[in-house]
Amino acid sequence: MTKRLTFALLSTLLSTAPAAAPDACPPASAGFSDLGYASYLDGSAIRGITVDLLEEIHRRSGCTFQLGWYPHGRVYAQFFSGQLDVTGAALRNAERDRHGVWLPYTYSQFELVLLNQSAGEFRSLADFVERSTARLNVARSIAYSPATQAQMDRLQKLGRLEYVNDFGVVFRKILAGRADGTLAPPAIHVLHQRQFHLQGKMRATAFAESPRAMVGIYVSKQLPAAQRRRYTEAVRTIVGDGTVQQIYLRYLSADITRQIFAGGVRDILDAMPAD
C-alpha cells in the first residue's frame, strides 16, 4: 500500500526559509522508494541523499516539495500518469525522458554483492554465471544495463535469480539463507549491510557489464518551464560547488564518496539541460 508520509522532514522542507526569497513556486509532489542511502524510511520519516538534495534545492530556490513513499515500481507509474512531479534517484532512459526532464547530480555503478562463502574472483557477471552456483535476489523495477540484464536473464533460466519487491526483502532473504547475494550500487547495499548486520560478511565487486552511469532526479514536463529552470539552476550549483559530495559524506565513508566522484563532476555538469 502506498504511504503518504508528511512528517518531520516534509515539515522542514515546507517551513525552512530559503537563503534567498525568489517568487514562490507551487509545491511539487516527490516520490521516493527503498534505494538504500539514496532514500530510506527512518521510522515515519523519509531520509537519504536524494531527500537532502531536495532540501538543498528548496533552500536555494524557495521551491517546496511534498514527499511520498511508494513501492519502487509505483513511483514511475505515478510519474508517467502525471500524479508525481519529481522522482527520486533515477538512471536516464527514453521512456522517462518522454515524461520528464532529467537533472543529474551523481554517479552510480552496480556491484556484485555476495556472502563471503560465495564470493570469488569473477572477471564479469558472465564469468559469475558460468563459474558459480550462487543465487541472487534483485529488486523489481530497477533499470540495469542491457549487458547486465542479459546475464540476469541467463541466471533466471538457471533458477539462480529471483525478483522481489525491494532491497529490504533482498537482504532479509540473504540473512535467512535463501539467497547468496544481489546486484546493487554502494549507496544501496552499504545501508542494508549495516541494517542487517552483514558488514564483514559480504564482498562487493564491480563487474564489466555495469559501467559507471550518471543518476539524477526526473522533473515532470507538466511543471511550468520557469519552475523547472529553478530546479535546474539549483542542482547545477549544488553539484558545481561540492555540496553534493558533502551530502554523500553524511551517509557514506570518505573512501566510497571519493570512488563515486572519481574524476570530478564535469561530465555531470555537461549533461545538465541547457535551460
Protein backbone atom coordinates (compact mmCIF):
# COMPACT_ATOMS: atom_id res chain seq x y z
CA MET A 1 0.00 0.00 0.00
CA THR A 2 1.23 3.49 -0.82
CA LYS A 3 2.19 5.60 2.16
CA ARG A 4 1.85 9.35 2.00
CA LEU A 5 4.36 10.48 4.57
CA THR A 6 4.26 14.13 5.56
CA PHE A 7 6.02 14.08 8.88
CA ALA A 8 9.10 15.83 10.30
CA LEU A 9 11.13 16.07 7.12
CA LEU A 10 8.27 17.37 4.98
CA SER A 11 7.55 19.92 7.66
CA THR A 12 11.17 21.05 7.43
CA LEU A 13 11.05 21.29 3.66
CA LEU A 14 7.92 23.40 3.72
CA SER A 15 8.80 25.71 6.57
CA THR A 16 12.55 26.35 6.42
CA ALA A 17 13.22 29.76 4.93
CA PRO A 18 15.45 29.63 1.85
CA ALA A 19 18.70 31.59 1.67
CA ALA A 20 17.11 33.89 -0.91
CA ALA A 21 13.43 34.60 -1.34
CA PRO A 22 12.50 34.41 -5.01
CA ASP A 23 8.86 34.40 -6.07
CA ALA A 24 7.11 31.35 -4.68
CA CYS A 25 6.57 28.34 -6.92
CA PRO A 26 3.80 25.75 -6.34
CA PRO A 27 4.68 22.76 -4.11
CA ALA A 28 5.74 19.72 -6.16
CA SER A 29 4.98 16.12 -5.24
CA ALA A 30 8.10 13.92 -4.99
CA GLY A 31 8.04 10.12 -4.89
CA PHE A 32 10.61 8.00 -3.06
CA SER A 33 11.20 4.28 -2.60
CA ASP A 34 13.66 1.90 -0.92
CA LEU A 35 17.01 2.78 -2.52
CA GLY A 36 19.35 2.46 0.44
CA TYR A 37 21.04 5.68 1.43
CA ALA A 38 19.55 7.40 -1.62
CA SER A 39 16.16 7.20 0.12
CA TYR A 40 15.00 5.15 3.10
CA LEU A 41 12.48 5.15 5.90
CA ASP A 42 13.63 6.11 9.39
CA GLY A 43 10.53 5.36 11.41
CA SER A 44 7.90 7.53 9.75
CA ALA A 45 10.36 9.99 8.15
CA ILE A 46 11.81 9.72 4.66
CA ARG A 47 15.54 10.36 4.71
CA GLY A 48 18.55 9.94 2.47
CA ILE A 49 20.84 11.55 -0.07
CA THR A 50 18.12 12.47 -2.57
CA VAL A 51 15.91 13.86 0.18
CA ASP A 52 18.79 16.06 1.34
CA LEU A 53 19.27 17.14 -2.28
CA LEU A 54 15.63 18.32 -2.42
CA GLU A 55 16.09 20.13 0.87
CA GLU A 56 19.08 21.95 -0.64
CA ILE A 57 17.08 22.75 -3.79
CA HIS A 58 14.40 24.20 -1.52
CA ARG A 59 16.96 26.29 0.37
CA ARG A 60 18.41 27.72 -2.84
CA SER A 61 15.26 28.14 -4.94
CA GLY A 62 12.43 28.61 -2.46
CA CYS A 63 10.52 25.76 -4.12
CA THR A 64 8.86 23.26 -1.78
CA PHE A 65 8.21 19.52 -2.07
CA GLN A 66 5.57 17.17 -0.71
CA LEU A 67 7.16 13.77 -0.13
CA GLY A 68 5.52 10.38 -0.66
CA TRP A 69 6.78 6.80 -0.12
CA TYR A 70 5.95 4.11 -2.68
CA PRO A 71 6.98 0.64 -3.83
CA HIS A 72 9.74 1.28 -6.36
CA GLY A 73 7.73 0.31 -9.45
CA ARG A 74 4.84 2.51 -8.35
CA VAL A 75 6.97 5.66 -8.39
CA TYR A 76 7.26 5.57 -12.17
CA ALA A 77 3.65 4.51 -12.71
CA GLN A 78 2.62 7.61 -10.75
CA PHE A 79 5.15 9.79 -12.57
CA PHE A 80 4.09 8.62 -16.03
CA SER A 81 0.42 9.19 -15.20
CA GLY A 82 1.08 12.75 -14.04
CA GLN A 83 0.40 12.08 -10.36
CA LEU A 84 4.00 12.78 -9.29
CA ASP A 85 6.09 15.81 -10.24
CA VAL A 86 9.54 14.62 -9.16
CA THR A 87 11.17 11.19 -8.80
CA GLY A 88 13.98 10.10 -6.54
CA ALA A 89 17.34 8.80 -7.82
CA ALA A 90 16.98 7.59 -11.41
CA LEU A 91 19.06 6.38 -14.31
CA ARG A 92 18.16 8.03 -17.58
CA ASN A 93 16.15 6.19 -20.23
CA ALA A 94 13.94 7.06 -23.19
CA GLU A 95 10.61 6.26 -21.53
CA ARG A 96 11.35 8.53 -18.57
CA ASP A 97 12.60 11.25 -20.93
CA ARG A 98 9.17 11.33 -22.62
CA HIS A 99 7.59 12.45 -19.36
CA GLY A 100 10.28 14.42 -17.59
CA VAL A 101 13.47 16.44 -17.64
CA TRP A 102 16.44 14.65 -16.09
CA LEU A 103 18.71 16.55 -13.70
CA PRO A 104 21.87 14.51 -12.99
CA TYR A 105 23.71 15.02 -9.71
CA THR A 106 25.80 11.90 -9.05
CA TYR A 107 27.25 8.66 -10.41
CA SER A 108 26.32 5.07 -9.67
CA GLN A 109 27.70 1.66 -10.52
CA PHE A 110 26.14 -1.69 -9.75
CA GLU A 111 28.28 -4.20 -7.91
CA LEU A 112 28.00 -7.95 -7.43
CA VAL A 113 27.46 -8.32 -3.68
CA LEU A 114 27.97 -11.85 -2.35
CA LEU A 115 28.26 -13.56 1.01
CA ASN A 116 31.91 -14.32 1.68
CA GLN A 117 31.43 -18.05 1.20
CA SER A 118 30.07 -17.42 -2.33
CA ALA A 119 32.47 -14.63 -3.34
CA GLY A 120 35.20 -15.24 -5.89
CA GLU A 121 37.45 -13.57 -8.42
CA PHE A 122 34.86 -13.07 -11.15
CA ARG A 123 36.01 -11.03 -14.14
CA SER A 124 32.44 -10.25 -15.18
CA LEU A 125 28.84 -11.15 -14.46
CA ALA A 126 29.07 -13.66 -17.32
CA ASP A 127 32.02 -15.24 -15.52
CA PHE A 128 29.91 -15.45 -12.35
CA VAL A 129 27.09 -17.13 -14.29
CA GLU A 130 29.47 -19.73 -15.69
CA ARG A 131 31.69 -20.46 -12.70
CA SER A 132 29.40 -20.10 -9.67
CA THR A 133 26.24 -21.73 -8.38
CA ALA A 134 25.33 -18.82 -6.07
CA ARG A 135 21.78 -17.48 -6.13
CA LEU A 136 20.88 -13.82 -6.45
CA ASN A 137 17.82 -11.87 -5.39
CA VAL A 138 17.26 -8.50 -7.07
CA ALA A 139 14.68 -5.74 -6.69
CA ARG A 140 11.95 -5.32 -9.29
CA SER A 141 11.63 -2.20 -11.46
CA ILE A 142 15.33 -1.32 -11.30
CA ALA A 143 16.95 -0.21 -14.57
CA TYR A 144 20.02 -2.31 -15.46
CA SER A 145 22.35 -2.00 -18.44
CA PRO A 146 21.38 -4.25 -21.39
CA ALA A 147 24.53 -6.33 -20.87
CA THR A 148 23.68 -6.82 -17.19
CA GLN A 149 20.08 -7.72 -17.99
CA ALA A 150 21.24 -10.35 -20.48
CA GLN A 151 23.24 -12.12 -17.78
CA MET A 152 20.37 -11.78 -15.30
CA ASP A 153 18.11 -13.49 -17.84
CA ARG A 154 20.62 -16.36 -18.03
CA LEU A 155 20.63 -16.65 -14.24
CA GLN A 156 16.83 -16.68 -14.12
CA LYS A 157 16.67 -19.51 -16.67
CA LEU A 158 19.11 -21.45 -14.48
CA GLY A 159 16.89 -20.93 -11.43
CA ARG A 160 19.54 -18.77 -9.75
CA LEU A 161 17.83 -15.37 -9.80
CA GLU A 162 14.58 -14.17 -8.21
CA TYR A 163 12.93 -10.76 -8.39
CA VAL A 164 11.47 -9.41 -5.14
CA ASN A 165 9.68 -6.21 -4.15
CA ASP A 166 12.55 -4.17 -2.73
CA PHE A 167 16.06 -4.30 -1.32
CA GLY A 168 14.79 -4.81 2.22
CA VAL A 169 13.30 -8.11 1.08
CA VAL A 170 16.53 -8.94 -0.78
CA PHE A 171 18.66 -8.64 2.34
CA ARG A 172 16.15 -10.37 4.62
CA LYS A 173 16.31 -13.37 2.28
CA ILE A 174 20.12 -13.26 2.24
CA LEU A 175 20.12 -13.19 6.05
CA ALA A 176 17.71 -16.15 6.11
CA GLY A 177 19.96 -18.18 3.79
CA ARG A 178 17.50 -18.09 0.89
CA ALA A 179 19.85 -16.12 -1.38
CA ASP A 180 23.61 -15.66 -1.61
CA GLY A 181 23.80 -12.12 -2.92
CA THR A 182 22.43 -9.32 -5.07
CA LEU A 183 23.30 -6.59 -7.57
CA ALA A 184 23.34 -3.09 -6.09
CA PRO A 185 25.42 0.12 -6.01
CA PRO A 186 27.23 1.09 -2.78
CA ALA A 187 24.64 3.70 -1.79
CA ILE A 188 22.11 0.87 -1.58
CA HIS A 189 23.98 -2.16 -0.32
CA VAL A 190 26.04 -0.39 2.38
CA LEU A 191 22.87 0.71 4.23
CA HIS A 192 21.32 -2.75 4.09
CA GLN A 193 24.51 -4.49 5.16
CA ARG A 194 24.57 -2.19 8.20
CA GLN A 195 20.90 -2.69 8.98
CA PHE A 196 21.09 -6.49 8.72
CA HIS A 197 24.47 -6.79 10.49
CA LEU A 198 26.12 -8.23 7.38
CA GLN A 199 29.16 -5.94 7.26
CA GLY A 200 32.29 -8.01 7.06
CA LYS A 201 30.23 -11.00 5.92
CA MET A 202 29.77 -9.84 2.31
CA ARG A 203 32.05 -8.78 -0.51
CA ALA A 204 31.17 -6.29 -3.27
CA THR A 205 32.97 -6.11 -6.62
CA ALA A 206 32.35 -4.13 -9.80
CA PHE A 207 31.64 -6.14 -12.95
CA ALA A 208 32.28 -5.43 -16.60
CA GLU A 209 28.65 -5.38 -17.76
CA SER A 210 27.77 -2.44 -15.49
CA PRO A 211 29.85 0.67 -16.23
CA ARG A 212 29.54 3.76 -14.08
CA ALA A 213 26.49 5.82 -15.02
CA MET A 214 25.06 9.17 -14.04
CA VAL A 215 22.00 9.33 -11.80
CA GLY A 216 19.56 12.21 -11.42
CA ILE A 217 16.08 13.25 -10.44
CA TYR A 218 13.31 13.47 -13.02
CA VAL A 219 11.12 16.59 -13.08
CA SER A 220 7.75 16.36 -14.85
CA LYS A 221 7.34 18.26 -18.08
CA GLN A 222 3.90 19.22 -16.79
CA LEU A 223 5.50 21.66 -14.35
CA PRO A 224 5.94 25.24 -15.61
CA ALA A 225 9.17 25.82 -17.51
CA ALA A 226 10.20 28.59 -15.12
CA GLN A 227 9.86 26.22 -12.16
CA ARG A 228 11.91 23.55 -13.91
CA ARG A 229 14.62 26.13 -14.63
CA ARG A 230 14.82 26.98 -10.92
CA TYR A 231 15.35 23.31 -10.08
CA THR A 232 17.97 23.02 -12.83
CA GLU A 233 19.95 26.02 -11.65
CA ALA A 234 19.82 24.84 -8.03
CA VAL A 235 21.07 21.34 -8.93
CA ARG A 236 23.78 22.83 -11.14
CA THR A 237 25.15 24.90 -8.24
CA ILE A 238 24.79 22.02 -5.73
CA VAL A 239 26.94 19.84 -7.99
CA GLY A 240 29.34 22.59 -9.02
CA ASP A 241 30.21 23.90 -5.53
CA GLY A 242 30.82 20.46 -3.98
CA THR A 243 27.67 20.37 -1.83
CA VAL A 244 26.60 17.04 -3.32
CA GLN A 245 29.80 15.36 -2.09
CA GLN A 246 29.19 16.81 1.38
CA ILE A 247 25.71 15.28 1.33
CA TYR A 248 27.20 11.89 0.47
CA LEU A 249 29.64 12.14 3.38
CA ARG A 250 26.68 12.28 5.79
CA TYR A 251 25.90 8.68 4.84
CA LEU A 252 28.93 7.02 3.25
CA SER A 253 32.63 6.87 4.05
CA ALA A 254 35.14 9.24 2.52
CA ASP A 255 36.64 6.35 0.53
CA ILE A 256 33.30 5.38 -1.03
CA THR A 257 32.44 9.02 -1.73
CA ARG A 258 35.80 9.55 -3.48
CA GLN A 259 35.17 6.40 -5.50
CA ILE A 260 31.74 7.62 -6.59
CA PHE A 261 33.01 11.05 -7.67
CA ALA A 262 36.37 9.93 -9.04
CA GLY A 263 37.32 12.21 -11.91
CA GLY A 264 35.17 15.10 -10.70
CA VAL A 265 31.75 16.38 -11.73
CA ARG A 266 32.44 17.97 -15.14
CA ASP A 267 30.56 15.22 -17.00
CA ILE A 268 27.54 15.74 -14.74
CA LEU A 269 27.55 19.50 -15.34
CA ASP A 270 27.90 18.96 -19.09
CA ALA A 271 24.88 16.62 -19.04
CA MET A 272 22.61 19.18 -17.37
CA PRO A 273 19.83 20.59 -19.57
CA ALA A 274 20.66 23.93 -21.15
CA ASP A 275 17.51 25.64 -19.86
